[in-house]
Amino acid sequence: MITSAQMRAARALLGIDQKTLAERAGLSLPTIQRMEASVGQVRGVVESLTRVVAALEASGVELIGEGAPSLGAGRGVRLRDPAPPPGRG
């Protein structure tokens, strides 16, 4: 659904802290902190995850799934797999 890296990146794009995201999502600060401390996909109560996604989207963030095209307009960034290191010749 959403990764911890996406959550942190979305907050950075919006210029908000964890407390503000918690307020916008109607969740507690410790819940947001636990979510962002996850490795990979955020684990938690589905309702809490849905609230975070809805709050980020309402604030103007488009969350893009792995391999999915971006359907929105506007500027943004996307994390891709890093290029392999150049071979030694």
PDB file of N, CA and C in Angstrom:
ATOM      1  N   MET A   1       0.819  -1.197   0.000  1.00  0.00           N
ATOM      2  CA  MET A   1       0.000   0.000   0.000  1.00  0.00           C
ATOM      3  C   MET A   1       0.860   1.257   0.000  1.00  0.00           C
ATOM      4  N   ILE A   2       1.726   1.404   0.997  1.00  0.00           N
ATOM      5  CA  ILE A   2       2.639   2.548   1.084  1.00  0.00           C
ATOM      6  C   ILE A   2       3.868   2.087   1.852  1.00  0.00           C
ATOM      7  N   THR A   3       5.015   2.604   1.462  1.00  0.00           N
ATOM      8  CA  THR A   3       6.243   2.262   2.169  1.00  0.00           C
ATOM      9  C   THR A   3       6.614   3.391   3.128  1.00  0.00           C
ATOM     10  N   SER A   4       7.450   3.048   4.086  1.00  0.00           N
ATOM     11  CA  SER A   4       7.911   4.072   5.031  1.00  0.00           C
ATOM     12  C   SER A   4       8.703   5.151   4.293  1.00  0.00           C
ATOM     13  N   ALA A   5       9.462   4.767   3.275  1.00  0.00           N
ATOM     14  CA  ALA A   5      10.213   5.759   2.493  1.00  0.00           C
ATOM     15  C   ALA A   5       9.266   6.707   1.763  1.00  0.00           C
ATOM     16  N   GLN A   6       8.153   6.180   1.246  1.00  0.00           N
ATOM     17  CA  GLN A   6       7.166   7.042   0.589  1.00  0.00           C
ATOM     18  C   GLN A   6       6.566   8.033   1.584  1.00  0.00           C
ATOM     19  N   MET A   7       6.290   7.568   2.786  1.00  0.00           N
ATOM     20  CA  MET A   7       5.730   8.468   3.799  1.00  0.00           C
ATOM     21  C   MET A   7       6.691   9.604   4.103  1.00  0.00           C
ATOM     22  N   ARG A   8       7.957   9.265   4.326  1.00  0.00           N
ATOM     23  CA  ARG A   8       8.946  10.301   4.653  1.00  0.00           C
ATOM     24  C   ARG A   8       9.139  11.257   3.478  1.00  0.00           C
ATOM     25  N   ALA A   9       9.203  10.702   2.266  1.00  0.00           N
ATOM     26  CA  ALA A   9       9.384  11.538   1.075  1.00  0.00           C
ATOM     27  C   ALA A   9       8.179  12.451   0.868  1.00  0.00           C
ATOM     28  N   ALA A  10       6.978  11.926   1.069  1.00  0.00           N
ATOM     29  CA  ALA A  10       5.765  12.729   0.899  1.00  0.00           C
ATOM     30  C   ALA A  10       5.746  13.878   1.891  1.00  0.00           C
ATOM     31  N   ARG A  11       6.123  13.600   3.139  1.00  0.00           N
ATOM     32  CA  ARG A  11       6.178  14.677   4.137  1.00  0.00           C
ATOM     33  C   ARG A  11       7.197  15.732   3.738  1.00  0.00           C
ATOM     34  N   ALA A  12       8.337  15.272   3.214  1.00  0.00           N
ATOM     35  CA  ALA A  12       9.380  16.220   2.798  1.00  0.00           C
ATOM     36  C   ALA A  12       8.881  17.100   1.655  1.00  0.00           C
ATOM     37  N   LEU A  13       8.187  16.509   0.685  1.00  0.00           N
ATOM     38  CA  LEU A  13       7.648  17.297  -0.425  1.00  0.00           C
ATOM     39  C   LEU A  13       6.652  18.337   0.066  1.00  0.00           C
ATOM     40  N   LEU A  14       5.873  17.973   1.066  1.00  0.00           N
ATOM     41  CA  LEU A  14       4.867  18.884   1.607  1.00  0.00           C
ATOM     42  C   LEU A  14       5.458  19.871   2.623  1.00  0.00           C
ATOM     43  N   GLY A  15       6.658  19.572   3.108  1.00  0.00           N
ATOM     44  CA  GLY A  15       7.275  20.441   4.113  1.00  0.00           C
ATOM     45  C   GLY A  15       6.580  20.360   5.454  1.00  0.00           C
ATOM     46  N   ILE A  16       6.115  19.157   5.812  1.00  0.00           N
ATOM     47  CA  ILE A  16       5.423  18.986   7.092  1.00  0.00           C
ATOM     48  C   ILE A  16       6.181  17.989   7.961  1.00  0.00           C
ATOM     49  N   ASP A  17       5.955  18.081   9.258  1.00  0.00           N
ATOM     50  CA  ASP A  17       6.582  17.143  10.181  1.00  0.00           C
ATOM     51  C   ASP A  17       5.606  16.012  10.515  1.00  0.00           C
ATOM     52  N   GLN A  18       6.090  15.056  11.291  1.00  0.00           N
ATOM     53  CA  GLN A  18       5.257  13.905  11.659  1.00  0.00           C
ATOM     54  C   GLN A  18       4.005  14.326  12.423  1.00  0.00           C
ATOM     55  N   LYS A  19       4.132  15.326  13.281  1.00  0.00           N
ATOM     56  CA  LYS A  19       2.994  15.780  14.073  1.00  0.00           C
ATOM     57  C   LYS A  19       1.894  16.316  13.164  1.00  0.00           C
ATOM     58  N   THR A  20       2.269  17.089  12.150  1.00  0.00           N
ATOM     59  CA  THR A  20       1.277  17.642  11.225  1.00  0.00           C
ATOM     60  C   THR A  20       0.596  16.539  10.439  1.00  0.00           C
ATOM     61  N   LEU A  21       1.365  15.550   9.983  1.00  0.00           N
ATOM     62  CA  LEU A  21       0.755  14.428   9.270  1.00  0.00           C
ATOM     63  C   LEU A  21      -0.213  13.688  10.189  1.00  0.00           C
ATOM     64  N   ALA A  22       0.179  13.489  11.435  1.00  0.00           N
ATOM     65  CA  ALA A  22      -0.703  12.812  12.397  1.00  0.00           C
ATOM     66  C   ALA A  22      -2.014  13.578  12.547  1.00  0.00           C
ATOM     67  N   GLU A  23      -1.925  14.897  12.655  1.00  0.00           N
ATOM     68  CA  GLU A  23      -3.132  15.719  12.798  1.00  0.00           C
ATOM     69  C   GLU A  23      -4.013  15.620  11.556  1.00  0.00           C
ATOM     70  N   ARG A  24      -3.399  15.708  10.379  1.00  0.00           N
ATOM     71  CA  ARG A  24      -4.171  15.632   9.134  1.00  0.00           C
ATOM     72  C   ARG A  24      -4.825  14.275   8.937  1.00  0.00           C
ATOM     73  N   ALA A  25      -4.175  13.227   9.427  1.00  0.00           N
ATOM     74  CA  ALA A  25      -4.711  11.880   9.275  1.00  0.00           C
ATOM     75  C   ALA A  25      -5.629  11.476  10.425  1.00  0.00           C
ATOM     76  N   GLY A  26      -5.671  12.300  11.478  1.00  0.00           N
ATOM     77  CA  GLY A  26      -6.485  11.958  12.649  1.00  0.00           C
ATOM     78  C   GLY A  26      -5.919  10.792  13.431  1.00  0.00           C
ATOM     79  N   LEU A  27      -4.586  10.723  13.487  1.00  0.00           N
ATOM     80  CA  LEU A  27      -3.901   9.643  14.202  1.00  0.00           C
ATOM     81  C   LEU A  27      -2.965  10.241  15.245  1.00  0.00           C
ATOM     82  N   SER A  28      -2.435   9.396  16.097  1.00  0.00           N
ATOM     83  CA  SER A  28      -1.498   9.882  17.104  1.00  0.00           C
ATOM     84  C   SER A  28      -0.094   9.980  16.510  1.00  0.00           C
ATOM     85  N   LEU A  29       0.716  10.846  17.098  1.00  0.00           N
ATOM     86  CA  LEU A  29       2.104  10.991  16.668  1.00  0.00           C
ATOM     87  C   LEU A  29       2.863   9.661  16.787  1.00  0.00           C
ATOM     88  N   PRO A  30       2.720   8.914  17.905  1.00  0.00           N
ATOM     89  CA  PRO A  30       3.431   7.631  17.994  1.00  0.00           C
ATOM     90  C   PRO A  30       3.049   6.649  16.870  1.00  0.00           C
ATOM     91  N   THR A  31       1.804   6.712  16.393  1.00  0.00           N
ATOM     92  CA  THR A  31       1.394   5.837  15.300  1.00  0.00           C
ATOM     93  C   THR A  31       2.171   6.183  14.035  1.00  0.00           C
ATOM     94  N   ILE A  32       2.281   7.464  13.720  1.00  0.00           N
ATOM     95  CA  ILE A  32       3.039   7.899  12.546  1.00  0.00           C
ATOM     96  C   ILE A  32       4.512   7.519  12.710  1.00  0.00           C
ATOM     97  N   GLN A  33       5.052   7.713  13.895  1.00  0.00           N
ATOM     98  CA  GLN A  33       6.451   7.367  14.152  1.00  0.00           C
ATOM     99  C   GLN A  33       6.696   5.874  13.944  1.00  0.00           C
ATOM    100  N   ARG A  34       5.786   5.034  14.420  1.00  0.00           N
ATOM    101  CA  ARG A  34       5.921   3.582  14.226  1.00  0.00           C
ATOM    102  C   ARG A  34       5.844   3.221  12.750  1.00  0.00           C
ATOM    103  N   MET A  35       4.913   3.853  12.036  1.00  0.00           N
ATOM    104  CA  MET A  35       4.766   3.569  10.611  1.00  0.00           C
ATOM    105  C   MET A  35       6.051   3.911   9.857  1.00  0.00           C
ATOM    106  N   GLU A  36       6.607   5.079  10.138  1.00  0.00           N
ATOM    107  CA  GLU A  36       7.804   5.512   9.434  1.00  0.00           C
ATOM    108  C   GLU A  36       9.046   4.735   9.857  1.00  0.00           C
ATOM    109  N   ALA A  37       9.004   4.085  10.996  1.00  0.00           N
ATOM    110  CA  ALA A  37      10.133   3.270  11.442  1.00  0.00           C
ATOM    111  C   ALA A  37      10.111   1.884  10.815  1.00  0.00           C
ATOM    112  N   SER A  38       9.034   1.545  10.107  1.00  0.00           N
ATOM    113  CA  SER A  38       8.927   0.247   9.441  1.00  0.00           C
ATOM    114  C   SER A  38       9.996   0.127   8.364  1.00  0.00           C
ATOM    115  N   VAL A  39      10.301  -1.103   8.022  1.00  0.00           N
ATOM    116  CA  VAL A  39      11.211  -1.374   6.916  1.00  0.00           C
ATOM    117  C   VAL A  39      10.359  -1.838   5.743  1.00  0.00           C
ATOM    118  N   GLY A  40      10.456  -1.157   4.617  1.00  0.00           N
ATOM    119  CA  GLY A  40       9.662  -1.529   3.444  1.00  0.00           C
ATOM    120  C   GLY A  40       8.213  -1.107   3.610  1.00  0.00           C
ATOM    121  N   GLN A  41       7.302  -2.024   3.259  1.00  0.00           N
ATOM    122  CA  GLN A  41       5.874  -1.733   3.354  1.00  0.00           C
ATOM    123  C   GLN A  41       5.500  -1.429   4.808  1.00  0.00           C
ATOM    124  N   VAL A  42       4.697  -0.388   4.980  1.00  0.00           N
ATOM    125  CA  VAL A  42       4.248  -0.017   6.318  1.00  0.00           C
ATOM    126  C   VAL A  42       3.245  -1.046   6.798  1.00  0.00           C
ATOM    127  N   ARG A  43       3.468  -1.513   7.992  1.00  0.00           N
ATOM    128  CA  ARG A  43       2.542  -2.467   8.583  1.00  0.00           C
ATOM    129  C   ARG A  43       1.722  -1.733   9.638  1.00  0.00           C
ATOM    130  N   GLY A  44       0.465  -2.102   9.722  1.00  0.00           N
ATOM    131  CA  GLY A  44      -0.386  -1.455  10.711  1.00  0.00           C
ATOM    132  C   GLY A  44      -1.833  -1.743  10.433  1.00  0.00           C
ATOM    133  N   VAL A  45      -2.675  -1.107  11.174  1.00  0.00           N
ATOM    134  CA  VAL A  45      -4.113  -1.254  11.011  1.00  0.00           C
ATOM    135  C   VAL A  45      -4.504  -0.641   9.667  1.00  0.00           C
ATOM    136  N   VAL A  46      -5.279  -1.372   8.893  1.00  0.00           N
ATOM    137  CA  VAL A  46      -5.656  -0.914   7.554  1.00  0.00           C
ATOM    138  C   VAL A  46      -6.309   0.464   7.603  1.00  0.00           C
ATOM    139  N   GLU A  47      -7.151   0.705   8.587  1.00  0.00           N
ATOM    140  CA  GLU A  47      -7.816   2.007   8.693  1.00  0.00           C
ATOM    141  C   GLU A  47      -6.793   3.130   8.883  1.00  0.00           C
ATOM    142  N   SER A  48      -5.759   2.888   9.677  1.00  0.00           N
ATOM    143  CA  SER A  48      -4.722   3.902   9.888  1.00  0.00           C
ATOM    144  C   SER A  48      -3.950   4.164   8.604  1.00  0.00           C
ATOM    145  N   LEU A  49      -3.609   3.107   7.893  1.00  0.00           N
ATOM    146  CA  LEU A  49      -2.899   3.260   6.622  1.00  0.00           C
ATOM    147  C   LEU A  49      -3.745   4.043   5.630  1.00  0.00           C
ATOM    148  N   THR A  50      -5.021   3.729   5.572  1.00  0.00           N
ATOM    149  CA  THR A  50      -5.937   4.423   4.671  1.00  0.00           C
ATOM    150  C   THR A  50      -6.020   5.903   5.020  1.00  0.00           C
ATOM    151  N   ARG A  51      -6.041   6.212   6.305  1.00  0.00           N
ATOM    152  CA  ARG A  51      -6.096   7.616   6.738  1.00  0.00           C
ATOM    153  C   ARG A  51      -4.847   8.384   6.326  1.00  0.00           C
ATOM    154  N   VAL A  52      -3.688   7.746   6.452  1.00  0.00           N
ATOM    155  CA  VAL A  52      -2.434   8.400   6.064  1.00  0.00           C
ATOM    156  C   VAL A  52      -2.427   8.660   4.563  1.00  0.00           C
ATOM    157  N   VAL A  53      -2.770   7.646   3.782  1.00  0.00           N
ATOM    158  CA  VAL A  53      -2.799   7.805   2.326  1.00  0.00           C
ATOM    159  C   VAL A  53      -3.775   8.912   1.941  1.00  0.00           C
ATOM    160  N   ALA A  54      -4.954   8.915   2.521  1.00  0.00           N
ATOM    161  CA  ALA A  54      -5.960   9.938   2.200  1.00  0.00           C
ATOM    162  C   ALA A  54      -5.457  11.336   2.574  1.00  0.00           C
ATOM    163  N   ALA A  55      -4.801  11.461   3.723  1.00  0.00           N
ATOM    164  CA  ALA A  55      -4.290  12.767   4.158  1.00  0.00           C
ATOM    165  C   ALA A  55      -3.201  13.261   3.211  1.00  0.00           C
ATOM    166  N   LEU A  56      -2.319  12.372   2.789  1.00  0.00           N
ATOM    167  CA  LEU A  56      -1.257  12.767   1.862  1.00  0.00           C
ATOM    168  C   LEU A  56      -1.829  13.157   0.508  1.00  0.00           C
ATOM    169  N   GLU A  57      -2.766  12.364   0.017  1.00  0.00           N
ATOM    170  CA  GLU A  57      -3.379  12.674  -1.276  1.00  0.00           C
ATOM    171  C   GLU A  57      -4.177  13.970  -1.227  1.00  0.00           C
ATOM    172  N   ALA A  58      -4.881  14.211  -0.131  1.00  0.00           N
ATOM    173  CA  ALA A  58      -5.640  15.457   0.011  1.00  0.00           C
ATOM    174  C   ALA A  58      -4.717  16.669   0.071  1.00  0.00           C
ATOM    175  N   SER A  59      -3.483  16.444   0.494  1.00  0.00           N
ATOM    176  CA  SER A  59      -2.501  17.525   0.569  1.00  0.00           C
ATOM    177  C   SER A  59      -1.772  17.738  -0.756  1.00  0.00           C
ATOM    178  N   GLY A  60      -2.051  16.874  -1.744  1.00  0.00           N
ATOM    179  CA  GLY A  60      -1.477  17.066  -3.077  1.00  0.00           C
ATOM    180  C   GLY A  60      -0.413  16.082  -3.487  1.00  0.00           C
ATOM    181  N   VAL A  61      -0.193  15.032  -2.722  1.00  0.00           N
ATOM    182  CA  VAL A  61       0.818  14.037  -3.053  1.00  0.00           C
ATOM    183  C   VAL A  61       0.179  12.900  -3.846  1.00  0.00           C
ATOM    184  N   GLU A  62       0.843  12.498  -4.920  1.00  0.00           N
ATOM    185  CA  GLU A  62       0.414  11.323  -5.683  1.00  0.00           C
ATOM    186  C   GLU A  62       1.346  10.174  -5.313  1.00  0.00           C
ATOM    187  N   LEU A  63       0.793   9.139  -4.714  1.00  0.00           N
ATOM    188  CA  LEU A  63       1.580   7.962  -4.357  1.00  0.00           C
ATOM    189  C   LEU A  63       1.560   7.002  -5.541  1.00  0.00           C
ATOM    190  N   ILE A  64       2.742   6.630  -6.012  1.00  0.00           N
ATOM    191  CA  ILE A  64       2.864   5.792  -7.203  1.00  0.00           C
ATOM    192  C   ILE A  64       3.374   4.421  -6.783  1.00  0.00           C
ATOM    193  N   GLY A  65       2.656   3.391  -7.167  1.00  0.00           N
ATOM    194  CA  GLY A  65       3.065   2.029  -6.851  1.00  0.00           C
ATOM    195  C   GLY A  65       4.205   1.561  -7.727  1.00  0.00           C
ATOM    196  N   GLU A  66       4.851   0.501  -7.311  1.00  0.00           N
ATOM    197  CA  GLU A  66       5.968  -0.086  -8.042  1.00  0.00           C
ATOM    198  C   GLU A  66       5.566  -0.415  -9.478  1.00  0.00           C
ATOM    199  N   GLY A  67       6.251   0.163 -10.439  1.00  0.00           N
ATOM    200  CA  GLY A  67       6.004  -0.117 -11.840  1.00  0.00           C
ATOM    201  C   GLY A  67       4.762   0.531 -12.422  1.00  0.00           C
ATOM    202  N   ALA A  68       4.040   1.303 -11.628  1.00  0.00           N
ATOM    203  CA  ALA A  68       2.805   1.940 -12.098  1.00  0.00           C
ATOM    204  C   ALA A  68       3.130   3.290 -12.731  1.00  0.00           C
ATOM    205  N   PRO A  69       2.389   3.655 -13.762  1.00  0.00           N
ATOM    206  CA  PRO A  69       2.610   4.984 -14.360  1.00  0.00           C
ATOM    207  C   PRO A  69       2.005   6.074 -13.484  1.00  0.00           C
ATOM    208  N   SER A  70       2.561   7.263 -13.585  1.00  0.00           N
ATOM    209  CA  SER A  70       1.998   8.413 -12.899  1.00  0.00           C
ATOM    210  C   SER A  70       0.885   8.973 -13.768  1.00  0.00           C
ATOM    211  N   LEU A  71      -0.288   9.122 -13.206  1.00  0.00           N
ATOM    212  CA  LEU A  71      -1.437   9.611 -13.964  1.00  0.00           C
ATOM    213  C   LEU A  71      -1.694  11.089 -13.743  1.00  0.00           C
ATOM    214  N   GLY A  72      -1.001  11.668 -12.790  1.00  0.00           N
ATOM    215  CA  GLY A  72      -1.234  13.063 -12.456  1.00  0.00           C
ATOM    216  C   GLY A  72      -0.349  14.009 -13.253  1.00  0.00           C
ATOM    217  N   ALA A  73      -0.577  15.256 -13.024  1.00  0.00           N
ATOM    218  CA  ALA A  73       0.249  16.290 -13.643  1.00  0.00           C
ATOM    219  C   ALA A  73       1.015  16.997 -12.539  1.00  0.00           C
ATOM    220  N   GLY A  74       2.077  17.631 -12.893  1.00  0.00           N
ATOM    221  CA  GLY A  74       2.865  18.345 -11.901  1.00  0.00           C
ATOM    222  C   GLY A  74       4.242  17.743 -11.767  1.00  0.00           C
ATOM    223  N   ARG A  75       5.054  18.416 -10.987  1.00  0.00           N
ATOM    224  CA  ARG A  75       6.426  17.966 -10.778  1.00  0.00           C
ATOM    225  C   ARG A  75       6.458  16.916  -9.695  1.00  0.00           C
ATOM    226  N   GLY A  76       7.510  16.128  -9.696  1.00  0.00           N
ATOM    227  CA  GLY A  76       7.658  15.134  -8.653  1.00  0.00           C
ATOM    228  C   GLY A  76       8.947  14.364  -8.800  1.00  0.00           C
ATOM    229  N   VAL A  77       9.123  13.403  -7.946  1.00  0.00           N
ATOM    230  CA  VAL A  77      10.286  12.527  -7.999  1.00  0.00           C
ATOM    231  C   VAL A  77       9.803  11.095  -7.889  1.00  0.00           C
ATOM    232  N   ARG A  78      10.639  10.207  -8.374  1.00  0.00           N
ATOM    233  CA  ARG A  78      10.309   8.795  -8.307  1.00  0.00           C
ATOM    234  C   ARG A  78      11.583   8.028  -8.024  1.00  0.00           C
ATOM    235  N   LEU A  79      11.554   7.114  -7.092  1.00  0.00           N
ATOM    236  CA  LEU A  79      12.701   6.296  -6.747  1.00  0.00           C
ATOM    237  C   LEU A  79      12.737   5.096  -7.684  1.00  0.00           C
ATOM    238  N   ARG A  80      13.882   4.848  -8.277  1.00  0.00           N
ATOM    239  CA  ARG A  80      14.030   3.687  -9.138  1.00  0.00           C
ATOM    240  C   ARG A  80      15.160   2.834  -8.605  1.00  0.00           C
ATOM    241  N   ASP A  81      15.272   1.621  -9.145  1.00  0.00           N
ATOM    242  CA  ASP A  81      16.392   0.781  -8.757  1.00  0.00           C
ATOM    243  C   ASP A  81      17.676   1.466  -9.209  1.00  0.00           C
ATOM    244  N   PRO A  82      18.695   1.456  -8.372  1.00  0.00           N
ATOM    245  CA  PRO A  82      19.931   2.113  -8.765  1.00  0.00           C
ATOM    246  C   PRO A  82      20.583   1.379  -9.939  1.00  0.00           C
ATOM    247  N   ALA A  83      21.301   2.138 -10.748  1.00  0.00           N
ATOM    248  CA  ALA A  83      22.022   1.544 -11.873  1.00  0.00           C
ATOM    249  C   ALA A  83      23.146   0.665 -11.327  1.00  0.00           C
ATOM    250  N   PRO A  84      23.433  -0.419 -12.028  1.00  0.00           N
ATOM    251  CA  PRO A  84      24.542  -1.258 -11.551  1.00  0.00           C
ATOM    252  C   PRO A  84      25.857  -0.492 -11.621  1.00  0.00           C
ATOM    253  N   PRO A  85      26.790  -0.790 -10.749  1.00  0.00           N
ATOM    254  CA  PRO A  85      28.064  -0.073 -10.787  1.00  0.00           C
ATOM    255  C   PRO A  85      28.783  -0.352 -12.102  1.00  0.00           C
ATOM    256  N   PRO A  86      29.481   0.655 -12.611  1.00  0.00           N
ATOM    257  CA  PRO A  86      30.189   0.438 -13.885  1.00  0.00           C
ATOM    258  C   PRO A  86      31.256  -0.632 -13.718  1.00  0.00           C
ATOM    259  N   GLY A  87      31.420  -1.445 -14.761  1.00  0.00           N
ATOM    260  CA  GLY A  87      32.427  -2.510 -14.709  1.00  0.00           C
ATOM    261  C   GLY A  87      33.826  -1.946 -14.808  1.00  0.00           C
ATOM    262  N   ARG A  88      34.726  -2.676 -14.262  1.00  0.00           N
ATOM    263  CA  ARG A  88      36.135  -2.237 -14.331  1.00  0.00           C
ATOM    264  C   ARG A  88      36.728  -2.774 -15.616  1.00  0.00           C
ATOM    265  N   GLY A  89      37.435  -1.915 -16.308  1.00  0.00           N
ATOM    266  CA  GLY A  89      37.967  -2.302 -17.604  1.00  0.00           C
ATOM    267  C   GLY A  89      39.379  -2.427 -17.565  1.00  0.00           C
TER     268      GLY A  89
END
